[in-house]
Amino acid sequence: MQGYTYTKGEHYPVEHLVFKVAPEDVEHYLAVDHEIWTLKEAYAPGFDHIPFLYKEVWVNDNKPGEIHFIFVWESIESWRKIDDKEYQAKLIKEFDEKFGRPYEFVRCVQNEENFGVHRVSRFERI
């Protein structure tokens, strides 16, 4: 039988963003997202460590071009610190200039749920 880890009793805030791009632009979008958003939020000023536990990227094969970004943050405080309006505006500008193609911001699940979604457990095979 394969091994696993199981952790419970957690309370990590979850950010879930959904974007739509032309299907032929997905790979370019993901590359620029990693360069601008993932790495610049991971190594943001004011932190001596990466403030999120992990980031996952999901695509929806039933809706080509739909991309889901899932962040699990170490704390709501770290998340809100990264969410500084000036810093976010700077990253948006950098992303838009580098990506150079149209895209649509479809959903911001955490706003719909008033930041109430949290990871409380994790089962993972080893």
N, C-alpha and C. Protein backbone atom coordinates (compact mmCIF):
# COMPACT_ATOMS: atom_id res chain seq x y z
N MET A 1 0.84 -1.19 0.00
CA MET A 1 0.00 0.00 0.00
C MET A 1 0.88 1.25 0.00
N GLN A 2 0.49 2.21 -0.79
CA GLN A 2 1.25 3.45 -0.91
C GLN A 2 1.07 4.30 0.34
N GLY A 3 2.12 5.00 0.74
CA GLY A 3 2.06 5.85 1.91
C GLY A 3 1.43 7.20 1.62
N TYR A 4 1.12 7.90 2.70
CA TYR A 4 0.50 9.22 2.56
C TYR A 4 0.81 10.05 3.80
N THR A 5 0.57 11.32 3.66
CA THR A 5 0.59 12.22 4.82
C THR A 5 -0.80 12.82 4.95
N TYR A 6 -1.18 13.07 6.16
CA TYR A 6 -2.48 13.70 6.42
C TYR A 6 -2.27 14.73 7.53
N THR A 7 -2.63 15.95 7.21
CA THR A 7 -2.51 17.04 8.17
C THR A 7 -3.89 17.65 8.34
N LYS A 8 -4.27 17.88 9.58
CA LYS A 8 -5.57 18.51 9.84
C LYS A 8 -5.39 19.60 10.89
N GLY A 9 -6.45 20.34 11.12
CA GLY A 9 -6.40 21.41 12.10
C GLY A 9 -5.70 22.67 11.59
N GLU A 10 -5.61 22.81 10.28
CA GLU A 10 -4.97 23.99 9.70
C GLU A 10 -6.01 25.12 9.54
N HIS A 11 -5.51 26.29 9.27
CA HIS A 11 -6.40 27.43 8.99
C HIS A 11 -5.63 28.41 8.09
N TYR A 12 -5.40 28.00 6.84
CA TYR A 12 -4.65 28.81 5.89
C TYR A 12 -5.59 29.44 4.88
N PRO A 13 -5.54 30.77 4.73
CA PRO A 13 -6.41 31.44 3.77
C PRO A 13 -6.08 31.06 2.33
N VAL A 14 -7.14 30.93 1.52
CA VAL A 14 -7.01 30.50 0.13
C VAL A 14 -7.45 31.63 -0.80
N GLU A 15 -6.59 31.93 -1.76
CA GLU A 15 -6.89 32.89 -2.82
C GLU A 15 -7.18 32.10 -4.09
N HIS A 16 -8.29 32.41 -4.74
CA HIS A 16 -8.68 31.69 -5.97
C HIS A 16 -9.09 32.73 -7.00
N LEU A 17 -8.26 32.86 -8.03
CA LEU A 17 -8.51 33.81 -9.11
C LEU A 17 -8.75 33.06 -10.41
N VAL A 18 -9.65 33.58 -11.24
CA VAL A 18 -9.95 32.96 -12.53
C VAL A 18 -9.78 34.01 -13.63
N PHE A 19 -9.03 33.63 -14.66
CA PHE A 19 -8.78 34.49 -15.81
C PHE A 19 -9.14 33.75 -17.08
N LYS A 20 -9.38 34.51 -18.14
CA LYS A 20 -9.69 33.95 -19.46
C LYS A 20 -8.77 34.61 -20.48
N VAL A 21 -8.11 33.77 -21.27
CA VAL A 21 -7.25 34.25 -22.35
C VAL A 21 -7.59 33.45 -23.60
N ALA A 22 -7.13 33.92 -24.73
CA ALA A 22 -7.28 33.13 -25.95
C ALA A 22 -6.53 31.81 -25.75
N PRO A 23 -7.13 30.69 -26.14
CA PRO A 23 -6.47 29.39 -25.92
C PRO A 23 -5.03 29.34 -26.42
N GLU A 24 -4.75 30.00 -27.53
CA GLU A 24 -3.38 29.97 -28.06
C GLU A 24 -2.41 30.81 -27.22
N ASP A 25 -2.93 31.62 -26.28
CA ASP A 25 -2.08 32.46 -25.44
C ASP A 25 -1.81 31.87 -24.06
N VAL A 26 -2.38 30.72 -23.75
CA VAL A 26 -2.27 30.16 -22.40
C VAL A 26 -0.82 29.98 -21.97
N GLU A 27 0.00 29.34 -22.77
CA GLU A 27 1.38 29.07 -22.36
C GLU A 27 2.17 30.35 -22.12
N HIS A 28 1.99 31.33 -23.00
CA HIS A 28 2.67 32.62 -22.83
C HIS A 28 2.16 33.30 -21.56
N TYR A 29 0.85 33.27 -21.34
CA TYR A 29 0.26 33.88 -20.14
C TYR A 29 0.87 33.26 -18.89
N LEU A 30 0.96 31.92 -18.87
CA LEU A 30 1.49 31.23 -17.69
C LEU A 30 2.96 31.56 -17.46
N ALA A 31 3.73 31.68 -18.52
CA ALA A 31 5.15 32.03 -18.37
C ALA A 31 5.31 33.43 -17.79
N VAL A 32 4.53 34.38 -18.30
CA VAL A 32 4.62 35.75 -17.81
C VAL A 32 4.06 35.83 -16.39
N ASP A 33 2.99 35.11 -16.12
CA ASP A 33 2.45 35.07 -14.76
C ASP A 33 3.50 34.59 -13.77
N HIS A 34 4.22 33.53 -14.13
CA HIS A 34 5.24 33.01 -13.23
C HIS A 34 6.34 34.05 -12.99
N GLU A 35 6.79 34.67 -14.06
CA GLU A 35 7.87 35.66 -13.95
C GLU A 35 7.45 36.89 -13.15
N ILE A 36 6.26 37.41 -13.43
CA ILE A 36 5.84 38.66 -12.80
C ILE A 36 5.12 38.41 -11.47
N TRP A 37 4.06 37.62 -11.49
CA TRP A 37 3.25 37.46 -10.28
C TRP A 37 3.86 36.49 -9.28
N THR A 38 4.15 35.28 -9.70
CA THR A 38 4.63 34.29 -8.74
C THR A 38 5.94 34.74 -8.09
N LEU A 39 6.94 35.02 -8.90
CA LEU A 39 8.25 35.33 -8.34
C LEU A 39 8.30 36.67 -7.62
N LYS A 40 7.60 37.67 -8.13
CA LYS A 40 7.65 38.98 -7.48
C LYS A 40 6.81 39.03 -6.21
N GLU A 41 5.76 38.21 -6.12
CA GLU A 41 5.06 38.11 -4.84
C GLU A 41 5.83 37.20 -3.88
N ALA A 42 6.50 36.19 -4.41
CA ALA A 42 7.29 35.30 -3.55
C ALA A 42 8.43 36.06 -2.87
N TYR A 43 9.04 36.97 -3.60
CA TYR A 43 10.19 37.71 -3.08
C TYR A 43 9.88 39.19 -2.93
N ALA A 44 8.69 39.47 -2.45
CA ALA A 44 8.22 40.86 -2.30
C ALA A 44 9.01 41.60 -1.23
N PRO A 45 9.15 42.91 -1.41
CA PRO A 45 9.80 43.72 -0.38
C PRO A 45 9.04 43.61 0.94
N GLY A 46 9.78 43.65 2.02
CA GLY A 46 9.15 43.60 3.34
C GLY A 46 9.00 42.21 3.92
N PHE A 47 9.42 41.19 3.18
CA PHE A 47 9.37 39.82 3.67
C PHE A 47 10.77 39.22 3.66
N ASP A 48 11.06 38.40 4.65
CA ASP A 48 12.34 37.68 4.66
C ASP A 48 12.14 36.21 4.27
N HIS A 49 10.94 35.91 3.77
CA HIS A 49 10.60 34.55 3.35
C HIS A 49 9.45 34.63 2.34
N ILE A 50 9.15 33.54 1.67
CA ILE A 50 8.02 33.49 0.74
C ILE A 50 6.74 33.48 1.56
N PRO A 51 5.83 34.45 1.35
CA PRO A 51 4.66 34.59 2.22
C PRO A 51 3.49 33.65 1.91
N PHE A 52 3.58 32.87 0.84
CA PHE A 52 2.52 31.89 0.59
C PHE A 52 3.14 30.50 0.66
N LEU A 53 2.31 29.52 1.05
CA LEU A 53 2.79 28.15 1.19
C LEU A 53 2.98 27.49 -0.16
N TYR A 54 2.03 27.74 -1.05
CA TYR A 54 2.16 27.24 -2.42
C TYR A 54 1.18 27.94 -3.33
N LYS A 55 1.44 27.79 -4.62
CA LYS A 55 0.56 28.31 -5.66
C LYS A 55 0.36 27.18 -6.65
N GLU A 56 -0.88 26.94 -7.02
CA GLU A 56 -1.20 25.96 -8.05
C GLU A 56 -1.89 26.67 -9.21
N VAL A 57 -1.70 26.15 -10.40
CA VAL A 57 -2.35 26.68 -11.59
C VAL A 57 -3.15 25.56 -12.21
N TRP A 58 -4.42 25.81 -12.44
CA TRP A 58 -5.31 24.82 -13.04
C TRP A 58 -5.85 25.40 -14.35
N VAL A 59 -6.04 24.55 -15.35
CA VAL A 59 -6.71 24.95 -16.58
C VAL A 59 -7.96 24.10 -16.73
N ASN A 60 -8.95 24.65 -17.39
CA ASN A 60 -10.22 23.97 -17.58
C ASN A 60 -10.31 23.49 -19.02
N ASP A 61 -10.15 22.19 -19.24
CA ASP A 61 -10.21 21.64 -20.60
C ASP A 61 -11.58 21.83 -21.24
N ASN A 62 -12.62 22.00 -20.43
CA ASN A 62 -13.96 22.21 -20.96
C ASN A 62 -14.21 23.66 -21.37
N LYS A 63 -13.33 24.55 -20.94
CA LYS A 63 -13.41 25.97 -21.31
C LYS A 63 -11.99 26.42 -21.68
N PRO A 64 -11.56 26.12 -22.90
CA PRO A 64 -10.20 26.47 -23.30
C PRO A 64 -9.89 27.95 -23.06
N GLY A 65 -8.74 28.18 -22.45
CA GLY A 65 -8.33 29.54 -22.14
C GLY A 65 -8.67 29.97 -20.73
N GLU A 66 -9.45 29.17 -20.00
CA GLU A 66 -9.78 29.51 -18.62
C GLU A 66 -8.68 28.99 -17.70
N ILE A 67 -8.14 29.89 -16.87
CA ILE A 67 -7.03 29.56 -15.98
C ILE A 67 -7.42 29.92 -14.55
N HIS A 68 -7.18 28.97 -13.64
CA HIS A 68 -7.45 29.18 -12.21
C HIS A 68 -6.11 29.24 -11.47
N PHE A 69 -5.97 30.23 -10.62
CA PHE A 69 -4.78 30.35 -9.78
C PHE A 69 -5.21 30.18 -8.33
N ILE A 70 -4.56 29.25 -7.64
CA ILE A 70 -4.87 28.95 -6.25
C ILE A 70 -3.63 29.21 -5.42
N PHE A 71 -3.73 30.14 -4.51
CA PHE A 71 -2.67 30.40 -3.54
C PHE A 71 -3.16 29.94 -2.17
N VAL A 72 -2.30 29.32 -1.41
CA VAL A 72 -2.56 29.08 0.00
C VAL A 72 -1.53 29.92 0.75
N TRP A 73 -2.04 30.90 1.48
CA TRP A 73 -1.20 31.87 2.17
C TRP A 73 -0.89 31.42 3.59
N GLU A 74 0.28 31.82 4.10
CA GLU A 74 0.65 31.45 5.46
C GLU A 74 -0.26 32.14 6.49
N SER A 75 -0.77 33.32 6.15
CA SER A 75 -1.66 34.05 7.05
C SER A 75 -2.39 35.12 6.26
N ILE A 76 -3.52 35.55 6.79
CA ILE A 76 -4.27 36.63 6.16
C ILE A 76 -3.44 37.93 6.21
N GLU A 77 -2.64 38.08 7.26
CA GLU A 77 -1.81 39.28 7.38
C GLU A 77 -0.77 39.36 6.26
N SER A 78 -0.13 38.24 5.96
CA SER A 78 0.85 38.22 4.86
C SER A 78 0.17 38.51 3.53
N TRP A 79 -0.98 37.91 3.33
CA TRP A 79 -1.72 38.12 2.10
C TRP A 79 -2.07 39.60 1.93
N ARG A 80 -2.59 40.19 2.99
CA ARG A 80 -2.99 41.60 2.91
C ARG A 80 -1.80 42.53 2.73
N LYS A 81 -0.66 42.15 3.29
CA LYS A 81 0.55 42.95 3.10
C LYS A 81 0.97 42.95 1.62
N ILE A 82 0.90 41.80 0.98
CA ILE A 82 1.22 41.68 -0.45
C ILE A 82 0.21 42.46 -1.29
N ASP A 83 -1.03 42.54 -0.80
CA ASP A 83 -2.12 43.15 -1.55
C ASP A 83 -2.08 44.68 -1.53
N ASP A 84 -0.96 45.26 -1.13
CA ASP A 84 -0.77 46.70 -1.14
C ASP A 84 -1.12 47.25 -2.53
N LYS A 85 -1.98 48.26 -2.58
CA LYS A 85 -2.50 48.77 -3.85
C LYS A 85 -1.38 49.25 -4.79
N GLU A 86 -0.41 49.96 -4.27
CA GLU A 86 0.68 50.46 -5.12
C GLU A 86 1.51 49.31 -5.68
N TYR A 87 1.82 48.33 -4.84
CA TYR A 87 2.62 47.19 -5.30
C TYR A 87 1.85 46.39 -6.35
N GLN A 88 0.57 46.17 -6.10
CA GLN A 88 -0.25 45.42 -7.06
C GLN A 88 -0.37 46.18 -8.38
N ALA A 89 -0.55 47.49 -8.33
CA ALA A 89 -0.64 48.30 -9.56
C ALA A 89 0.67 48.20 -10.36
N LYS A 90 1.80 48.19 -9.67
CA LYS A 90 3.10 48.05 -10.33
C LYS A 90 3.19 46.69 -11.03
N LEU A 91 2.75 45.63 -10.36
CA LEU A 91 2.81 44.29 -10.96
C LEU A 91 1.85 44.17 -12.14
N ILE A 92 0.67 44.74 -12.01
CA ILE A 92 -0.29 44.71 -13.12
C ILE A 92 0.31 45.40 -14.35
N LYS A 93 0.91 46.56 -14.15
CA LYS A 93 1.53 47.30 -15.25
C LYS A 93 2.64 46.46 -15.90
N GLU A 94 3.51 45.88 -15.08
CA GLU A 94 4.59 45.04 -15.61
C GLU A 94 4.03 43.84 -16.38
N PHE A 95 3.01 43.21 -15.80
CA PHE A 95 2.42 42.04 -16.46
C PHE A 95 1.81 42.43 -17.80
N ASP A 96 1.00 43.48 -17.81
CA ASP A 96 0.33 43.90 -19.04
C ASP A 96 1.34 44.24 -20.14
N GLU A 97 2.41 44.93 -19.77
CA GLU A 97 3.44 45.29 -20.75
C GLU A 97 4.14 44.05 -21.30
N LYS A 98 4.45 43.11 -20.43
CA LYS A 98 5.18 41.91 -20.87
C LYS A 98 4.28 40.94 -21.63
N PHE A 99 3.04 40.75 -21.15
CA PHE A 99 2.13 39.80 -21.82
C PHE A 99 1.68 40.35 -23.17
N GLY A 100 1.22 41.59 -23.19
CA GLY A 100 0.91 42.26 -24.45
C GLY A 100 -0.28 41.72 -25.23
N ARG A 101 -1.13 40.96 -24.61
CA ARG A 101 -2.30 40.38 -25.27
C ARG A 101 -3.51 40.63 -24.37
N PRO A 102 -4.72 40.58 -24.94
CA PRO A 102 -5.91 40.77 -24.10
C PRO A 102 -6.15 39.56 -23.18
N TYR A 103 -6.71 39.85 -22.02
CA TYR A 103 -7.14 38.81 -21.09
C TYR A 103 -8.28 39.38 -20.26
N GLU A 104 -9.01 38.48 -19.64
CA GLU A 104 -10.17 38.90 -18.84
C GLU A 104 -10.03 38.34 -17.43
N PHE A 105 -10.26 39.19 -16.45
CA PHE A 105 -10.32 38.77 -15.05
C PHE A 105 -11.76 38.34 -14.80
N VAL A 106 -12.00 37.04 -14.62
CA VAL A 106 -13.35 36.49 -14.57
C VAL A 106 -13.92 36.46 -13.16
N ARG A 107 -13.15 35.94 -12.22
CA ARG A 107 -13.67 35.78 -10.85
C ARG A 107 -12.58 35.99 -9.82
N CYS A 108 -13.02 36.44 -8.67
CA CYS A 108 -12.16 36.58 -7.51
C CYS A 108 -12.93 35.92 -6.36
N VAL A 109 -12.74 34.62 -6.22
CA VAL A 109 -13.57 33.82 -5.30
C VAL A 109 -13.47 34.33 -3.87
N GLN A 110 -12.28 34.74 -3.44
CA GLN A 110 -12.15 35.20 -2.06
C GLN A 110 -13.00 36.43 -1.78
N ASN A 111 -13.18 37.31 -2.76
CA ASN A 111 -14.06 38.46 -2.56
C ASN A 111 -15.52 38.03 -2.51
N GLU A 112 -15.88 37.06 -3.34
CA GLU A 112 -17.25 36.54 -3.32
C GLU A 112 -17.58 35.92 -1.96
N GLU A 113 -16.57 35.34 -1.33
CA GLU A 113 -16.77 34.63 -0.06
C GLU A 113 -16.25 35.43 1.14
N ASN A 114 -15.98 36.71 0.94
CA ASN A 114 -15.51 37.59 2.01
C ASN A 114 -14.30 36.99 2.75
N PHE A 115 -13.37 36.44 2.00
CA PHE A 115 -12.13 35.87 2.53
C PHE A 115 -12.38 34.74 3.53
N GLY A 116 -13.49 34.03 3.36
CA GLY A 116 -13.86 32.99 4.30
C GLY A 116 -13.36 31.59 3.97
N VAL A 117 -12.75 31.38 2.79
CA VAL A 117 -12.31 30.04 2.40
C VAL A 117 -10.90 29.79 2.94
N HIS A 118 -10.74 28.69 3.67
CA HIS A 118 -9.46 28.32 4.26
C HIS A 118 -9.18 26.84 4.04
N ARG A 119 -7.90 26.50 3.93
CA ARG A 119 -7.52 25.09 3.90
C ARG A 119 -7.47 24.62 5.35
N VAL A 120 -8.19 23.53 5.65
CA VAL A 120 -8.23 23.01 7.01
C VAL A 120 -7.56 21.65 7.14
N SER A 121 -7.38 20.94 6.01
CA SER A 121 -6.67 19.67 6.05
C SER A 121 -6.06 19.39 4.69
N ARG A 122 -5.14 18.43 4.69
CA ARG A 122 -4.47 18.06 3.44
C ARG A 122 -4.10 16.59 3.51
N PHE A 123 -4.54 15.84 2.52
CA PHE A 123 -4.17 14.43 2.35
C PHE A 123 -3.30 14.37 1.10
N GLU A 124 -2.15 13.76 1.21
CA GLU A 124 -1.23 13.73 0.08
C GLU A 124 -0.48 12.40 0.05
N ARG A 125 -0.46 11.77 -1.11
CA ARG A 125 0.30 10.52 -1.22
C ARG A 125 1.79 10.83 -1.19
N ILE A 126 2.55 9.87 -0.75
CA ILE A 126 4.01 10.02 -0.69
C ILE A 126 4.63 9.23 -1.83
